[in-house]
Amino acid sequence: MNLIGKSVLFAEDDGTMQFFVSSILKQELKCRDLIMCQDGREALEELKSRKEPLDLVLCDWEMPGATGDEILQYVRKDSRFNSVPFIMTTSRSDDESLKKVVKLGINHYLVKPFSAQDLIARIEKVLEDNSTNKRKVVNKNISCPTEIAFEGGMQSYKGHLNELVESKFVVQAPYVGHGSFGRPYDNVELKIQVKDITISIKAVIHVIGIDPDDPDNKNHIRVGFKAWDSEANSVKKLAELLS
């Protein structure tokens, strides 16, 4: 396991620990994008001003300027970083302290002193868990304009993407009368607009049902789609744009 291509924010006010951890990240794990913060205030300033994504946060608990739990709270409330794996390093080992940060959304913690092997194992674990969770994540309450183009030149419809889970989509589409929209197993092309980017994905209609917000079908229906396996890269790009 290595951190090549990943951005890591490391916040620690102790010089010895800074050297120890940064050496492991750079030499053992080949991290080329390490953001070093000398205390909690510097870490918060970096997070607030940062434009690029992060892949991991390593943070000491007891720091001047802002404590590790305060930084964790900020990260979990910021939509840019709320899914980023967060490892806390601390000299605290009492149950109440650890329960507190678990409740705040920590991914893992390391009680000082710890070995290089301990740190590497924790990093490997949280990155593996995060990758698995991303594959399972459900993006809900989306409202991306979506055109549904039927294969064979049938009329196209405009709706809004509401949910995405793995390669399955739920689109709110205009109600056009029973049997008029399409039917399960019809092939379509979804053209989904996100942040001025249009992602085209070939899919099949999986299910057509009522819209819970419009149970009388006066205006909209909800349509489930399943992308073709060959569209994996497009689905991945869409998920990244929505994250």
C-alpha atoms as a PDB file:
ATOM      1  CA  MET A   1       0.000   0.000   0.000  1.00  0.00           C
ATOM      2  CA  ASN A   2       1.212   3.508  -0.805  1.00  0.00           C
ATOM      3  CA  LEU A   3      -0.122   7.068  -0.889  1.00  0.00           C
ATOM      4  CA  ILE A   4       1.101   7.991  -4.356  1.00  0.00           C
ATOM      5  CA  GLY A   5      -1.409  10.396  -5.902  1.00  0.00           C
ATOM      6  CA  LYS A   6      -3.202  11.023  -2.585  1.00  0.00           C
ATOM      7  CA  SER A   7      -3.373  14.261  -0.610  1.00  0.00           C
ATOM      8  CA  VAL A   8      -2.855  13.964   3.144  1.00  0.00           C
ATOM      9  CA  LEU A   9      -3.325  16.700   5.740  1.00  0.00           C
ATOM     10  CA  PHE A  10      -1.231  16.085   8.865  1.00  0.00           C
ATOM     11  CA  ALA A  11      -1.726  18.310  11.929  1.00  0.00           C
ATOM     12  CA  GLU A  12       0.669  17.936  14.886  1.00  0.00           C
ATOM     13  CA  ASP A  13       2.320  20.473  17.190  1.00  0.00           C
ATOM     14  CA  ASP A  14       5.048  18.216  18.625  1.00  0.00           C
ATOM     15  CA  GLY A  15       8.268  18.411  16.607  1.00  0.00           C
ATOM     16  CA  THR A  16       9.417  14.861  17.317  1.00  0.00           C
ATOM     17  CA  MET A  17       6.058  13.409  16.327  1.00  0.00           C
ATOM     18  CA  GLN A  18       5.983  15.612  13.202  1.00  0.00           C
ATOM     19  CA  PHE A  19       9.300  14.155  12.066  1.00  0.00           C
ATOM     20  CA  PHE A  20       8.338  10.570  12.931  1.00  0.00           C
ATOM     21  CA  VAL A  21       4.964  10.543  11.157  1.00  0.00           C
ATOM     22  CA  SER A  22       6.001  12.639   8.144  1.00  0.00           C
ATOM     23  CA  SER A  23       8.984  10.336   7.559  1.00  0.00           C
ATOM     24  CA  ILE A  24       6.682   7.319   7.458  1.00  0.00           C
ATOM     25  CA  LEU A  25       4.261   9.059   5.106  1.00  0.00           C
ATOM     26  CA  LYS A  26       6.972  10.231   2.726  1.00  0.00           C
ATOM     27  CA  GLN A  27       9.489   7.382   2.831  1.00  0.00           C
ATOM     28  CA  GLU A  28       7.427   4.284   3.633  1.00  0.00           C
ATOM     29  CA  LEU A  29       4.133   5.242   1.957  1.00  0.00           C
ATOM     30  CA  LYS A  30       5.540   7.482  -0.823  1.00  0.00           C
ATOM     31  CA  CYS A  31       3.192  10.390  -0.097  1.00  0.00           C
ATOM     32  CA  ARG A  32       4.068  13.239  -2.478  1.00  0.00           C
ATOM     33  CA  ASP A  33       1.277  15.622  -1.437  1.00  0.00           C
ATOM     34  CA  LEU A  34       1.620  16.076   2.329  1.00  0.00           C
ATOM     35  CA  ILE A  35       0.121  19.207   3.881  1.00  0.00           C
ATOM     36  CA  MET A  36       1.901  19.835   7.189  1.00  0.00           C
ATOM     37  CA  CYS A  37       0.125  21.936   9.831  1.00  0.00           C
ATOM     38  CA  GLN A  38       1.966  22.960  12.998  1.00  0.00           C
ATOM     39  CA  ASP A  39      -1.133  23.411  15.181  1.00  0.00           C
ATOM     40  CA  GLY A  40      -4.927  23.367  15.139  1.00  0.00           C
ATOM     41  CA  ARG A  41      -5.335  26.936  13.957  1.00  0.00           C
ATOM     42  CA  GLU A  42      -3.151  26.304  10.927  1.00  0.00           C
ATOM     43  CA  ALA A  43      -5.106  23.129  10.134  1.00  0.00           C
ATOM     44  CA  LEU A  44      -8.452  24.955  10.225  1.00  0.00           C
ATOM     45  CA  GLU A  45      -7.109  27.760   8.040  1.00  0.00           C
ATOM     46  CA  GLU A  46      -5.842  25.227   5.503  1.00  0.00           C
ATOM     47  CA  LEU A  47      -9.207  23.434   5.432  1.00  0.00           C
ATOM     48  CA  LYS A  48     -11.212  26.636   5.059  1.00  0.00           C
ATOM     49  CA  SER A  49      -9.106  27.942   2.171  1.00  0.00           C
ATOM     50  CA  ARG A  50      -8.394  24.652   0.408  1.00  0.00           C
ATOM     51  CA  LYS A  51      -9.663  24.279  -3.173  1.00  0.00           C
ATOM     52  CA  GLU A  52      -8.350  20.779  -3.920  1.00  0.00           C
ATOM     53  CA  PRO A  53      -9.822  17.548  -2.484  1.00  0.00           C
ATOM     54  CA  LEU A  54      -8.260  15.582   0.374  1.00  0.00           C
ATOM     55  CA  ASP A  55      -7.829  11.828   0.708  1.00  0.00           C
ATOM     56  CA  LEU A  56      -6.869  11.544   4.375  1.00  0.00           C
ATOM     57  CA  VAL A  57      -6.597  13.617   7.575  1.00  0.00           C
ATOM     58  CA  LEU A  58      -4.155  12.690  10.350  1.00  0.00           C
ATOM     59  CA  CYS A  59      -4.683  14.911  13.359  1.00  0.00           C
ATOM     60  CA  ASP A  60      -3.379  15.186  16.913  1.00  0.00           C
ATOM     61  CA  TRP A  61      -6.018  15.777  19.586  1.00  0.00           C
ATOM     62  CA  GLU A  62      -4.224  18.112  22.006  1.00  0.00           C
ATOM     63  CA  MET A  63      -3.081  21.150  19.984  1.00  0.00           C
ATOM     64  CA  PRO A  64      -3.107  24.927  20.502  1.00  0.00           C
ATOM     65  CA  GLY A  65      -5.349  27.031  18.286  1.00  0.00           C
ATOM     66  CA  ALA A  66      -7.933  24.283  17.804  1.00  0.00           C
ATOM     67  CA  THR A  67      -8.204  20.809  19.251  1.00  0.00           C
ATOM     68  CA  GLY A  68      -8.448  17.652  17.183  1.00  0.00           C
ATOM     69  CA  ASP A  69     -12.132  17.159  18.006  1.00  0.00           C
ATOM     70  CA  GLU A  70     -12.881  20.721  16.862  1.00  0.00           C
ATOM     71  CA  ILE A  71     -11.111  20.011  13.563  1.00  0.00           C
ATOM     72  CA  LEU A  72     -13.024  16.735  13.233  1.00  0.00           C
ATOM     73  CA  GLN A  73     -16.319  18.581  13.757  1.00  0.00           C
ATOM     74  CA  TYR A  74     -15.396  21.082  11.048  1.00  0.00           C
ATOM     75  CA  VAL A  75     -14.420  18.352   8.582  1.00  0.00           C
ATOM     76  CA  ARG A  76     -17.654  16.401   9.104  1.00  0.00           C
ATOM     77  CA  LYS A  77     -19.803  19.520   8.601  1.00  0.00           C
ATOM     78  CA  ASP A  78     -17.998  20.677   5.441  1.00  0.00           C
ATOM     79  CA  SER A  79     -19.532  19.040   2.349  1.00  0.00           C
ATOM     80  CA  ARG A  80     -16.126  19.112   0.609  1.00  0.00           C
ATOM     81  CA  PHE A  81     -14.484  16.903   3.223  1.00  0.00           C
ATOM     82  CA  ASN A  82     -17.225  15.134   5.190  1.00  0.00           C
ATOM     83  CA  SER A  83     -16.424  11.721   3.701  1.00  0.00           C
ATOM     84  CA  VAL A  84     -12.624  12.036   4.030  1.00  0.00           C
ATOM     85  CA  PRO A  85     -11.084   9.375   6.331  1.00  0.00           C
ATOM     86  CA  PHE A  86      -9.962  10.918   9.637  1.00  0.00           C
ATOM     87  CA  ILE A  87      -7.414   9.331  11.999  1.00  0.00           C
ATOM     88  CA  MET A  88      -6.880  10.942  15.423  1.00  0.00           C
ATOM     89  CA  THR A  89      -3.599  10.560  17.286  1.00  0.00           C
ATOM     90  CA  THR A  90      -3.836  11.081  21.036  1.00  0.00           C
ATOM     91  CA  SER A  91      -2.349  10.322  24.431  1.00  0.00           C
ATOM     92  CA  ARG A  92      -5.882   9.845  25.754  1.00  0.00           C
ATOM     93  CA  SER A  93      -7.065   6.275  26.150  1.00  0.00           C
ATOM     94  CA  ASP A  94     -10.095   6.642  28.424  1.00  0.00           C
ATOM     95  CA  ASP A  95     -13.397   5.323  27.128  1.00  0.00           C
ATOM     96  CA  GLU A  96     -15.291   8.630  27.406  1.00  0.00           C
ATOM     97  CA  SER A  97     -12.816  10.512  25.210  1.00  0.00           C
ATOM     98  CA  LEU A  98     -12.784   7.795  22.572  1.00  0.00           C
ATOM     99  CA  LYS A  99     -16.593   7.519  22.572  1.00  0.00           C
ATOM    100  CA  LYS A 100     -16.771  11.268  22.004  1.00  0.00           C
ATOM    101  CA  VAL A 101     -14.709  11.254  18.808  1.00  0.00           C
ATOM    102  CA  VAL A 102     -16.382   8.089  17.537  1.00  0.00           C
ATOM    103  CA  LYS A 103     -19.717   9.880  17.872  1.00  0.00           C
ATOM    104  CA  LEU A 104     -18.295  12.871  15.977  1.00  0.00           C
ATOM    105  CA  GLY A 105     -17.408  10.620  13.047  1.00  0.00           C
ATOM    106  CA  ILE A 106     -13.790   9.558  13.473  1.00  0.00           C
ATOM    107  CA  ASN A 107     -12.636   6.625  11.321  1.00  0.00           C
ATOM    108  CA  HIS A 108      -9.829   5.424  13.584  1.00  0.00           C
ATOM    109  CA  TYR A 109      -7.482   6.571  16.325  1.00  0.00           C
ATOM    110  CA  LEU A 110      -3.942   5.822  17.507  1.00  0.00           C
ATOM    111  CA  VAL A 111      -2.924   6.091  21.147  1.00  0.00           C
ATOM    112  CA  LYS A 112       0.596   7.491  21.590  1.00  0.00           C
ATOM    113  CA  PRO A 113       3.204   6.128  21.515  1.00  0.00           C
ATOM    114  CA  PHE A 114       2.597   4.020  18.423  1.00  0.00           C
ATOM    115  CA  SER A 115       4.860   2.243  15.974  1.00  0.00           C
ATOM    116  CA  ALA A 116       5.328   2.787  12.242  1.00  0.00           C
ATOM    117  CA  GLN A 117       3.579  -0.544  11.649  1.00  0.00           C
ATOM    118  CA  ASP A 118       0.579   0.601  13.716  1.00  0.00           C
ATOM    119  CA  LEU A 119       0.268   3.813  11.705  1.00  0.00           C
ATOM    120  CA  ILE A 120       0.583   2.081   8.336  1.00  0.00           C
ATOM    121  CA  ALA A 121      -2.001  -0.537   9.345  1.00  0.00           C
ATOM    122  CA  ARG A 122      -4.507   2.151  10.430  1.00  0.00           C
ATOM    123  CA  ILE A 123      -4.048   4.124   7.220  1.00  0.00           C
ATOM    124  CA  GLU A 124      -4.457   1.020   5.094  1.00  0.00           C
ATOM    125  CA  LYS A 125      -7.617   0.069   7.014  1.00  0.00           C
ATOM    126  CA  VAL A 126      -9.403   3.436   6.751  1.00  0.00           C
ATOM    127  CA  LEU A 127      -8.573   3.876   3.063  1.00  0.00           C
ATOM    128  CA  GLU A 128      -9.816   0.370   2.280  1.00  0.00           C
ATOM    129  CA  ASP A 129     -13.021   0.957   4.271  1.00  0.00           C
ATOM    130  CA  ASN A 130     -13.567   4.317   2.601  1.00  0.00           C
ATOM    131  CA  SER A 131     -13.149   2.809  -0.863  1.00  0.00           C
ATOM    132  CA  THR A 132     -15.734   0.128  -0.026  1.00  0.00           C
ATOM    133  CA  ASN A 133     -18.170   2.696   1.374  1.00  0.00           C
ATOM    134  CA  LYS A 134     -17.858   4.854  -1.730  1.00  0.00           C
ATOM    135  CA  ARG A 135     -18.887   1.921  -3.882  1.00  0.00           C
ATOM    136  CA  LYS A 136     -21.969   1.475  -1.716  1.00  0.00           C
ATOM    137  CA  VAL A 137     -22.829   5.124  -1.117  1.00  0.00           C
ATOM    138  CA  VAL A 138     -26.276   6.329  -2.069  1.00  0.00           C
ATOM    139  CA  ASN A 139     -26.462   9.880  -3.339  1.00  0.00           C
ATOM    140  CA  LYS A 140     -29.969  11.074  -2.513  1.00  0.00           C
ATOM    141  CA  ASN A 141     -31.937  14.263  -2.949  1.00  0.00           C
ATOM    142  CA  ILE A 142     -30.010  15.145  -6.086  1.00  0.00           C
ATOM    143  CA  SER A 143     -31.618  17.447  -8.599  1.00  0.00           C
ATOM    144  CA  CYS A 144     -29.558  17.202 -11.783  1.00  0.00           C
ATOM    145  CA  PRO A 145     -31.306  17.941 -15.094  1.00  0.00           C
ATOM    146  CA  THR A 146     -31.506  14.697 -17.028  1.00  0.00           C
ATOM    147  CA  GLU A 147     -32.603  13.922 -20.579  1.00  0.00           C
ATOM    148  CA  ILE A 148     -33.909  10.416 -21.219  1.00  0.00           C
ATOM    149  CA  ALA A 149     -33.370   9.522 -24.873  1.00  0.00           C
ATOM    150  CA  PHE A 150     -34.972   6.271 -26.028  1.00  0.00           C
ATOM    151  CA  GLU A 151     -33.207   3.963 -28.441  1.00  0.00           C
ATOM    152  CA  GLY A 152     -34.681   3.967 -31.916  1.00  0.00           C
ATOM    153  CA  GLY A 153     -35.590   7.626 -32.156  1.00  0.00           C
ATOM    154  CA  MET A 154     -38.570   7.611 -29.796  1.00  0.00           C
ATOM    155  CA  GLN A 155     -39.491  10.857 -28.082  1.00  0.00           C
ATOM    156  CA  SER A 156     -37.059  11.972 -25.401  1.00  0.00           C
ATOM    157  CA  TYR A 157     -38.088  13.255 -21.979  1.00  0.00           C
ATOM    158  CA  LYS A 158     -36.541  15.705 -19.562  1.00  0.00           C
ATOM    159  CA  GLY A 159     -36.465  14.944 -15.847  1.00  0.00           C
ATOM    160  CA  HIS A 160     -34.182  15.200 -12.822  1.00  0.00           C
ATOM    161  CA  LEU A 161     -31.791  12.648 -11.352  1.00  0.00           C
ATOM    162  CA  ASN A 162     -32.850  12.066  -7.720  1.00  0.00           C
ATOM    163  CA  GLU A 163     -30.696   9.134  -6.555  1.00  0.00           C
ATOM    164  CA  LEU A 164     -27.560   7.241  -7.532  1.00  0.00           C
ATOM    165  CA  VAL A 165     -26.329   4.025  -5.932  1.00  0.00           C
ATOM    166  CA  GLU A 166     -23.486   2.208  -7.665  1.00  0.00           C
ATOM    167  CA  SER A 167     -24.747   1.843 -11.277  1.00  0.00           C
ATOM    168  CA  LYS A 168     -28.445   2.338 -10.533  1.00  0.00           C
ATOM    169  CA  PHE A 169     -30.271   5.624 -11.058  1.00  0.00           C
ATOM    170  CA  VAL A 170     -33.624   7.014  -9.992  1.00  0.00           C
ATOM    171  CA  VAL A 171     -34.985   9.806 -12.156  1.00  0.00           C
ATOM    172  CA  GLN A 172     -38.080  11.891 -11.564  1.00  0.00           C
ATOM    173  CA  ALA A 173     -39.696  12.185 -14.988  1.00  0.00           C
ATOM    174  CA  PRO A 174     -42.836  13.969 -16.223  1.00  0.00           C
ATOM    175  CA  TYR A 175     -45.992  11.875 -16.147  1.00  0.00           C
ATOM    176  CA  VAL A 176     -47.243  11.466 -19.713  1.00  0.00           C
ATOM    177  CA  GLY A 177     -49.977   8.863 -19.325  1.00  0.00           C
ATOM    178  CA  HIS A 178     -49.954   5.105 -18.768  1.00  0.00           C
ATOM    179  CA  GLY A 179     -47.815   3.252 -21.272  1.00  0.00           C
ATOM    180  CA  SER A 180     -46.618   6.441 -22.942  1.00  0.00           C
ATOM    181  CA  PHE A 181     -43.277   6.859 -21.210  1.00  0.00           C
ATOM    182  CA  GLY A 182     -41.677   3.504 -21.877  1.00  0.00           C
ATOM    183  CA  ARG A 183     -41.503   0.077 -20.311  1.00  0.00           C
ATOM    184  CA  PRO A 184     -39.027  -2.038 -18.348  1.00  0.00           C
ATOM    185  CA  TYR A 185     -36.056  -3.310 -20.381  1.00  0.00           C
ATOM    186  CA  ASP A 186     -36.254  -0.475 -22.901  1.00  0.00           C
ATOM    187  CA  ASN A 187     -32.758   0.819 -23.769  1.00  0.00           C
ATOM    188  CA  VAL A 188     -32.110   4.508 -23.160  1.00  0.00           C
ATOM    189  CA  GLU A 189     -29.327   7.038 -22.983  1.00  0.00           C
ATOM    190  CA  LEU A 190     -29.269   9.263 -19.915  1.00  0.00           C
ATOM    191  CA  LYS A 191     -27.733  12.694 -20.401  1.00  0.00           C
ATOM    192  CA  ILE A 192     -27.120  14.029 -16.897  1.00  0.00           C
ATOM    193  CA  GLN A 193     -25.941  17.594 -16.336  1.00  0.00           C
ATOM    194  CA  VAL A 194     -23.731  18.252 -13.298  1.00  0.00           C
ATOM    195  CA  LYS A 195     -21.814  21.491 -12.763  1.00  0.00           C
ATOM    196  CA  ASP A 196     -22.082  22.471 -16.450  1.00  0.00           C
ATOM    197  CA  ILE A 197     -20.784  19.028 -17.469  1.00  0.00           C
ATOM    198  CA  THR A 198     -22.985  16.552 -19.320  1.00  0.00           C
ATOM    199  CA  ILE A 199     -22.401  12.853 -18.616  1.00  0.00           C
ATOM    200  CA  SER A 200     -23.943  10.401 -21.117  1.00  0.00           C
ATOM    201  CA  ILE A 201     -24.680   6.901 -19.839  1.00  0.00           C
ATOM    202  CA  LYS A 202     -26.380   4.041 -21.677  1.00  0.00           C
ATOM    203  CA  ALA A 203     -28.831   2.173 -19.480  1.00  0.00           C
ATOM    204  CA  VAL A 204     -31.922   0.024 -19.381  1.00  0.00           C
ATOM    205  CA  ILE A 205     -35.205   0.901 -17.670  1.00  0.00           C
ATOM    206  CA  HIS A 206     -35.399  -1.217 -14.536  1.00  0.00           C
ATOM    207  CA  VAL A 207     -38.685  -0.174 -12.944  1.00  0.00           C
ATOM    208  CA  ILE A 208     -41.342   2.519 -13.316  1.00  0.00           C
ATOM    209  CA  GLY A 209     -43.262   3.599 -10.223  1.00  0.00           C
ATOM    210  CA  ILE A 210     -45.127   6.378  -8.524  1.00  0.00           C
ATOM    211  CA  ASP A 211     -43.409   9.447  -7.183  1.00  0.00           C
ATOM    212  CA  PRO A 212     -43.963   9.497  -3.384  1.00  0.00           C
ATOM    213  CA  ASP A 213     -44.231  13.279  -3.599  1.00  0.00           C
ATOM    214  CA  ASP A 214     -46.869  12.942  -6.322  1.00  0.00           C
ATOM    215  CA  PRO A 215     -48.812   9.728  -5.491  1.00  0.00           C
ATOM    216  CA  ASP A 216     -51.681  10.557  -7.823  1.00  0.00           C
ATOM    217  CA  ASN A 217     -49.328  10.737 -10.842  1.00  0.00           C
ATOM    218  CA  LYS A 218     -50.557  14.202 -11.702  1.00  0.00           C
ATOM    219  CA  ASN A 219     -47.143  15.525 -12.660  1.00  0.00           C
ATOM    220  CA  HIS A 220     -44.309  13.052 -12.196  1.00  0.00           C
ATOM    221  CA  ILE A 221     -43.296   9.412 -12.028  1.00  0.00           C
ATOM    222  CA  ARG A 222     -40.085   7.855 -10.727  1.00  0.00           C
ATOM    223  CA  VAL A 223     -38.068   5.685 -13.083  1.00  0.00           C
ATOM    224  CA  GLY A 224     -35.252   3.355 -12.077  1.00  0.00           C
ATOM    225  CA  PHE A 225     -32.409   2.691 -14.532  1.00  0.00           C
ATOM    226  CA  LYS A 226     -29.492   0.268 -14.540  1.00  0.00           C
ATOM    227  CA  ALA A 227     -26.360   1.286 -16.432  1.00  0.00           C
ATOM    228  CA  TRP A 228     -24.678  -1.181 -18.757  1.00  0.00           C
ATOM    229  CA  ASP A 229     -21.496  -2.729 -17.342  1.00  0.00           C
ATOM    230  CA  SER A 230     -19.522  -1.045 -20.115  1.00  0.00           C
ATOM    231  CA  GLU A 231     -20.496   2.347 -18.690  1.00  0.00           C
ATOM    232  CA  ALA A 232     -18.517   1.898 -15.445  1.00  0.00           C
ATOM    233  CA  ASN A 233     -16.115   4.764 -16.170  1.00  0.00           C
ATOM    234  CA  SER A 234     -18.938   7.194 -16.913  1.00  0.00           C
ATOM    235  CA  VAL A 235     -20.778   6.169 -13.736  1.00  0.00           C
ATOM    236  CA  LYS A 236     -17.569   6.655 -11.730  1.00  0.00           C
ATOM    237  CA  LYS A 237     -17.072  10.128 -13.203  1.00  0.00           C
ATOM    238  CA  LEU A 238     -20.673  11.038 -12.381  1.00  0.00           C
ATOM    239  CA  ALA A 239     -20.264   9.841  -8.782  1.00  0.00           C
ATOM    240  CA  GLU A 240     -17.104  11.925  -8.423  1.00  0.00           C
ATOM    241  CA  LEU A 241     -18.862  15.035  -9.696  1.00  0.00           C
ATOM    242  CA  LEU A 242     -21.718  14.469  -7.236  1.00  0.00           C
ATOM    243  CA  SER A 243     -19.438  13.872  -4.228  1.00  0.00           C
END
